[in-house]
Amino acid sequence: MAKKKSKSKKASKIGIEPLDDRVVVEPEEAEEVTAGGIVLPDAAKEKPQRGAIVAAGPGKLLDSGERGAPDVQVGDSVLYGRYAGTEVKVAGKEYVIMRESDILAKIE
């Protein structure tokens, strides 16, 4: 019996298809200049905690055997924990793969 794969356009475009309740986030660029105009070197920049969902898995597999619908979708802007997820580099671009539960909030 062959399984039918469901791929979103974005997931196939970046080459990452997350599983279960995982999402792929493209982090925003870190601030390079402070509010006072001081240019920050790379070592002093804080890790971004904000980004956009570029791919999302089908949802968590529940005990009943059904999939729980994810609360986030491709294109949502989100806030996540500073050290959440795993950083990966694909085709020269950096992404963070994390569980949906690591996302703190959606940004409107």
N, C-alpha and C. Protein backbone atom coordinates (compact mmCIF):
# COMPACT_ATOMS: atom_id res chain seq x y z
N MET A 1 0.85 -1.16 0.00
CA MET A 1 0.00 0.00 0.00
C MET A 1 0.90 1.23 0.00
N ALA A 2 0.73 2.11 -0.97
CA ALA A 2 1.56 3.31 -1.09
C ALA A 2 0.93 4.45 -0.32
N LYS A 3 1.78 5.19 0.38
CA LYS A 3 1.31 6.36 1.12
C LYS A 3 1.34 7.57 0.22
N LYS A 4 0.32 8.38 0.30
CA LYS A 4 0.29 9.61 -0.48
C LYS A 4 0.88 10.73 0.37
N LYS A 5 1.89 11.38 -0.16
CA LYS A 5 2.53 12.47 0.57
C LYS A 5 1.83 13.77 0.25
N SER A 6 1.64 14.60 1.27
CA SER A 6 1.08 15.92 1.05
C SER A 6 2.16 16.95 1.32
N LYS A 7 2.51 17.68 0.31
CA LYS A 7 3.56 18.69 0.45
C LYS A 7 2.97 20.06 0.17
N SER A 8 3.32 21.02 1.00
CA SER A 8 2.93 22.39 0.70
C SER A 8 3.94 22.94 -0.28
N LYS A 9 3.55 23.96 -1.03
CA LYS A 9 4.46 24.55 -2.00
C LYS A 9 5.71 25.10 -1.34
N LYS A 10 5.54 25.74 -0.19
CA LYS A 10 6.68 26.32 0.52
C LYS A 10 7.64 25.24 1.00
N ALA A 11 7.12 24.13 1.53
CA ALA A 11 7.98 23.07 2.05
C ALA A 11 8.85 22.49 0.95
N SER A 12 8.28 22.25 -0.22
CA SER A 12 9.07 21.70 -1.31
C SER A 12 10.04 22.74 -1.85
N LYS A 13 9.69 23.99 -1.75
CA LYS A 13 10.55 25.07 -2.25
C LYS A 13 11.83 25.18 -1.43
N ILE A 14 11.74 25.02 -0.10
CA ILE A 14 12.93 25.13 0.74
C ILE A 14 13.61 23.79 0.95
N GLY A 15 12.95 22.70 0.57
CA GLY A 15 13.56 21.39 0.68
C GLY A 15 13.44 20.75 2.05
N ILE A 16 12.57 21.25 2.90
CA ILE A 16 12.36 20.68 4.24
C ILE A 16 10.87 20.42 4.42
N GLU A 17 10.52 19.20 4.79
CA GLU A 17 9.14 18.87 5.09
C GLU A 17 9.08 18.39 6.53
N PRO A 18 8.62 19.24 7.46
CA PRO A 18 8.58 18.84 8.87
C PRO A 18 7.56 17.75 9.14
N LEU A 19 7.84 16.94 10.15
CA LEU A 19 6.96 15.85 10.54
C LEU A 19 6.16 16.22 11.78
N ASP A 20 5.05 15.54 11.98
CA ASP A 20 4.18 15.69 13.15
C ASP A 20 3.88 17.15 13.47
N ASP A 21 4.17 17.57 14.72
CA ASP A 21 3.82 18.92 15.15
C ASP A 21 5.00 19.88 15.04
N ARG A 22 5.94 19.58 14.16
CA ARG A 22 7.10 20.46 14.00
C ARG A 22 6.84 21.50 12.91
N VAL A 23 7.51 22.64 13.04
CA VAL A 23 7.42 23.72 12.07
C VAL A 23 8.82 24.19 11.71
N VAL A 24 8.95 24.78 10.54
CA VAL A 24 10.21 25.38 10.11
C VAL A 24 10.00 26.88 10.11
N VAL A 25 10.87 27.58 10.86
CA VAL A 25 10.76 29.03 11.00
C VAL A 25 11.98 29.69 10.36
N GLU A 26 11.73 30.74 9.59
CA GLU A 26 12.82 31.56 9.05
C GLU A 26 12.98 32.74 10.01
N PRO A 27 14.07 32.77 10.80
CA PRO A 27 14.23 33.84 11.78
C PRO A 27 14.46 35.20 11.12
N GLU A 28 13.99 36.25 11.81
CA GLU A 28 14.27 37.61 11.35
C GLU A 28 15.74 37.90 11.56
N GLU A 29 16.26 38.83 10.82
CA GLU A 29 17.65 39.23 10.99
C GLU A 29 17.83 39.90 12.34
N ALA A 30 18.97 39.66 12.98
CA ALA A 30 19.28 40.28 14.27
C ALA A 30 19.56 41.76 14.06
N GLU A 31 19.24 42.54 15.07
CA GLU A 31 19.48 43.99 15.02
C GLU A 31 20.97 44.25 14.88
N GLU A 32 21.35 45.14 13.95
CA GLU A 32 22.75 45.48 13.76
C GLU A 32 23.11 46.82 14.39
N VAL A 33 22.09 47.65 14.64
CA VAL A 33 22.32 48.97 15.22
C VAL A 33 21.37 49.14 16.40
N THR A 34 21.88 49.63 17.53
CA THR A 34 21.03 49.86 18.70
C THR A 34 20.18 51.11 18.48
N ALA A 35 19.23 51.33 19.39
CA ALA A 35 18.38 52.52 19.31
C ALA A 35 19.22 53.79 19.39
N GLY A 36 20.36 53.73 20.08
CA GLY A 36 21.24 54.90 20.21
C GLY A 36 22.19 55.08 19.03
N GLY A 37 22.13 54.16 18.04
CA GLY A 37 22.95 54.31 16.85
C GLY A 37 24.28 53.56 16.90
N ILE A 38 24.51 52.74 17.92
CA ILE A 38 25.77 52.00 18.04
C ILE A 38 25.68 50.74 17.17
N VAL A 39 26.68 50.53 16.32
CA VAL A 39 26.72 49.35 15.45
C VAL A 39 27.25 48.17 16.27
N LEU A 40 26.50 47.07 16.25
CA LEU A 40 26.87 45.89 17.02
C LEU A 40 27.69 44.90 16.19
N PRO A 41 28.77 44.36 16.75
CA PRO A 41 29.50 43.30 16.05
C PRO A 41 28.70 42.00 16.13
N ASP A 42 29.03 41.03 15.27
CA ASP A 42 28.29 39.76 15.24
C ASP A 42 28.23 39.07 16.60
N ALA A 43 29.31 39.12 17.36
CA ALA A 43 29.37 38.44 18.66
C ALA A 43 28.42 39.05 19.68
N ALA A 44 28.07 40.31 19.53
CA ALA A 44 27.22 40.99 20.50
C ALA A 44 25.74 40.94 20.14
N LYS A 45 25.42 40.48 18.95
CA LYS A 45 24.01 40.43 18.53
C LYS A 45 23.28 39.34 19.29
N GLU A 46 22.03 39.65 19.67
CA GLU A 46 21.19 38.65 20.34
C GLU A 46 20.56 37.75 19.30
N LYS A 47 20.32 36.50 19.71
CA LYS A 47 19.62 35.58 18.81
C LYS A 47 18.21 36.09 18.59
N PRO A 48 17.74 36.06 17.36
CA PRO A 48 16.36 36.50 17.12
C PRO A 48 15.36 35.57 17.80
N GLN A 49 14.25 36.11 18.23
CA GLN A 49 13.20 35.32 18.87
C GLN A 49 11.91 35.45 18.08
N ARG A 50 12.03 35.89 16.86
CA ARG A 50 10.89 36.19 16.04
C ARG A 50 11.16 35.68 14.62
N GLY A 51 10.13 35.20 13.96
CA GLY A 51 10.33 34.72 12.60
C GLY A 51 9.01 34.39 11.93
N ALA A 52 9.12 33.86 10.72
CA ALA A 52 7.94 33.50 9.93
C ALA A 52 7.95 31.99 9.67
N ILE A 53 6.78 31.39 9.77
CA ILE A 53 6.62 29.96 9.49
C ILE A 53 6.73 29.77 7.97
N VAL A 54 7.65 28.92 7.54
CA VAL A 54 7.80 28.64 6.11
C VAL A 54 7.35 27.23 5.74
N ALA A 55 7.19 26.36 6.73
CA ALA A 55 6.66 25.01 6.51
C ALA A 55 6.12 24.48 7.84
N ALA A 56 5.05 23.71 7.76
CA ALA A 56 4.44 23.14 8.97
C ALA A 56 4.08 21.68 8.72
N GLY A 57 4.25 20.87 9.75
CA GLY A 57 3.89 19.46 9.66
C GLY A 57 2.39 19.27 9.71
N PRO A 58 1.92 18.04 9.55
CA PRO A 58 0.48 17.76 9.51
C PRO A 58 -0.22 17.86 10.87
N GLY A 59 0.52 17.93 11.96
CA GLY A 59 -0.08 18.00 13.29
C GLY A 59 0.31 16.80 14.13
N LYS A 60 0.13 16.94 15.43
CA LYS A 60 0.52 15.88 16.37
C LYS A 60 -0.43 14.69 16.25
N LEU A 61 0.15 13.50 16.32
CA LEU A 61 -0.66 12.28 16.29
C LEU A 61 -1.23 12.05 17.69
N LEU A 62 -2.54 12.04 17.79
CA LEU A 62 -3.22 11.87 19.08
C LEU A 62 -3.37 10.40 19.43
N ASP A 63 -3.69 10.10 20.69
CA ASP A 63 -3.87 8.73 21.14
C ASP A 63 -4.98 8.00 20.37
N SER A 64 -5.95 8.76 19.88
CA SER A 64 -7.07 8.17 19.12
C SER A 64 -6.65 7.77 17.71
N GLY A 65 -5.44 8.14 17.29
CA GLY A 65 -4.97 7.83 15.94
C GLY A 65 -5.21 8.93 14.94
N GLU A 66 -5.92 9.97 15.38
CA GLU A 66 -6.18 11.12 14.50
C GLU A 66 -5.09 12.16 14.67
N ARG A 67 -5.02 13.09 13.74
CA ARG A 67 -4.05 14.18 13.82
C ARG A 67 -4.73 15.42 14.39
N GLY A 68 -4.07 16.06 15.36
CA GLY A 68 -4.56 17.33 15.88
C GLY A 68 -4.15 18.44 14.92
N ALA A 69 -5.06 19.31 14.59
CA ALA A 69 -4.77 20.39 13.65
C ALA A 69 -3.80 21.39 14.28
N PRO A 70 -2.76 21.80 13.55
CA PRO A 70 -1.81 22.77 14.10
C PRO A 70 -2.47 24.15 14.26
N ASP A 71 -1.99 24.92 15.24
CA ASP A 71 -2.51 26.26 15.49
C ASP A 71 -1.85 27.32 14.62
N VAL A 72 -0.73 26.96 13.97
CA VAL A 72 -0.03 27.92 13.11
C VAL A 72 -0.02 27.40 11.67
N GLN A 73 0.13 28.33 10.74
CA GLN A 73 0.15 27.98 9.32
C GLN A 73 1.34 28.66 8.66
N VAL A 74 1.64 28.23 7.45
CA VAL A 74 2.69 28.87 6.67
C VAL A 74 2.33 30.34 6.48
N GLY A 75 3.29 31.20 6.73
CA GLY A 75 3.08 32.64 6.58
C GLY A 75 2.86 33.37 7.90
N ASP A 76 2.53 32.65 8.99
CA ASP A 76 2.32 33.29 10.29
C ASP A 76 3.64 33.82 10.84
N SER A 77 3.59 34.99 11.47
CA SER A 77 4.74 35.53 12.20
C SER A 77 4.61 35.08 13.64
N VAL A 78 5.70 34.59 14.22
CA VAL A 78 5.63 34.03 15.56
C VAL A 78 6.79 34.50 16.44
N LEU A 79 6.57 34.40 17.76
CA LEU A 79 7.61 34.60 18.77
C LEU A 79 7.92 33.24 19.35
N TYR A 80 9.20 32.95 19.57
CA TYR A 80 9.59 31.66 20.14
C TYR A 80 10.71 31.87 21.15
N GLY A 81 10.96 30.86 21.97
CA GLY A 81 11.98 30.94 22.99
C GLY A 81 13.37 31.13 22.39
N ARG A 82 14.22 31.83 23.11
CA ARG A 82 15.56 32.17 22.62
C ARG A 82 16.36 30.94 22.19
N TYR A 83 16.25 29.86 22.92
CA TYR A 83 17.04 28.66 22.62
C TYR A 83 16.16 27.51 22.14
N ALA A 84 14.99 27.82 21.60
CA ALA A 84 14.06 26.79 21.12
C ALA A 84 14.52 26.23 19.78
N GLY A 85 14.24 24.97 19.58
CA GLY A 85 14.46 24.35 18.28
C GLY A 85 15.90 24.04 17.92
N THR A 86 16.07 23.59 16.69
CA THR A 86 17.36 23.23 16.15
C THR A 86 17.64 24.07 14.92
N GLU A 87 18.79 24.71 14.90
CA GLU A 87 19.15 25.56 13.76
C GLU A 87 19.73 24.68 12.66
N VAL A 88 19.25 24.89 11.42
CA VAL A 88 19.76 24.17 10.26
C VAL A 88 20.03 25.17 9.14
N LYS A 89 20.93 24.79 8.26
CA LYS A 89 21.24 25.64 7.11
C LYS A 89 20.96 24.82 5.85
N VAL A 90 20.09 25.35 4.99
CA VAL A 90 19.73 24.68 3.74
C VAL A 90 19.90 25.67 2.60
N ALA A 91 20.71 25.30 1.63
CA ALA A 91 20.97 26.15 0.46
C ALA A 91 21.42 27.54 0.87
N GLY A 92 22.27 27.61 1.90
CA GLY A 92 22.83 28.89 2.34
C GLY A 92 21.91 29.74 3.20
N LYS A 93 20.72 29.28 3.50
CA LYS A 93 19.77 30.02 4.33
C LYS A 93 19.58 29.32 5.66
N GLU A 94 19.47 30.11 6.73
CA GLU A 94 19.30 29.52 8.05
C GLU A 94 17.82 29.43 8.43
N TYR A 95 17.46 28.28 9.03
CA TYR A 95 16.11 28.03 9.51
C TYR A 95 16.20 27.43 10.90
N VAL A 96 15.08 27.46 11.62
CA VAL A 96 14.97 26.81 12.92
C VAL A 96 13.81 25.84 12.83
N ILE A 97 14.08 24.56 13.18
CA ILE A 97 13.02 23.55 13.23
C ILE A 97 12.67 23.34 14.69
N MET A 98 11.39 23.49 15.01
CA MET A 98 10.95 23.37 16.41
C MET A 98 9.57 22.75 16.48
N ARG A 99 9.23 22.29 17.67
CA ARG A 99 7.88 21.79 17.91
C ARG A 99 6.93 22.99 18.01
N GLU A 100 5.71 22.76 17.65
CA GLU A 100 4.71 23.83 17.74
C GLU A 100 4.58 24.35 19.17
N SER A 101 4.79 23.48 20.15
CA SER A 101 4.67 23.88 21.55
C SER A 101 5.78 24.83 22.00
N ASP A 102 6.89 24.92 21.21
CA ASP A 102 7.97 25.88 21.52
C ASP A 102 7.62 27.30 21.10
N ILE A 103 6.55 27.47 20.32
CA ILE A 103 6.13 28.79 19.89
C ILE A 103 5.35 29.45 21.02
N LEU A 104 5.75 30.66 21.36
CA LEU A 104 5.12 31.36 22.48
C LEU A 104 3.87 32.12 22.07
N ALA A 105 3.88 32.73 20.86
CA ALA A 105 2.74 33.54 20.43
C ALA A 105 2.79 33.79 18.94
N LYS A 106 1.60 34.06 18.37
CA LYS A 106 1.51 34.53 16.98
C LYS A 106 1.49 36.05 17.03
N ILE A 107 2.10 36.67 16.03
CA ILE A 107 2.11 38.14 15.94
C ILE A 107 1.14 38.54 14.85
N GLU A 108 0.22 39.42 15.18
CA GLU A 108 -0.78 39.89 14.21
C GLU A 108 -0.21 40.99 13.36
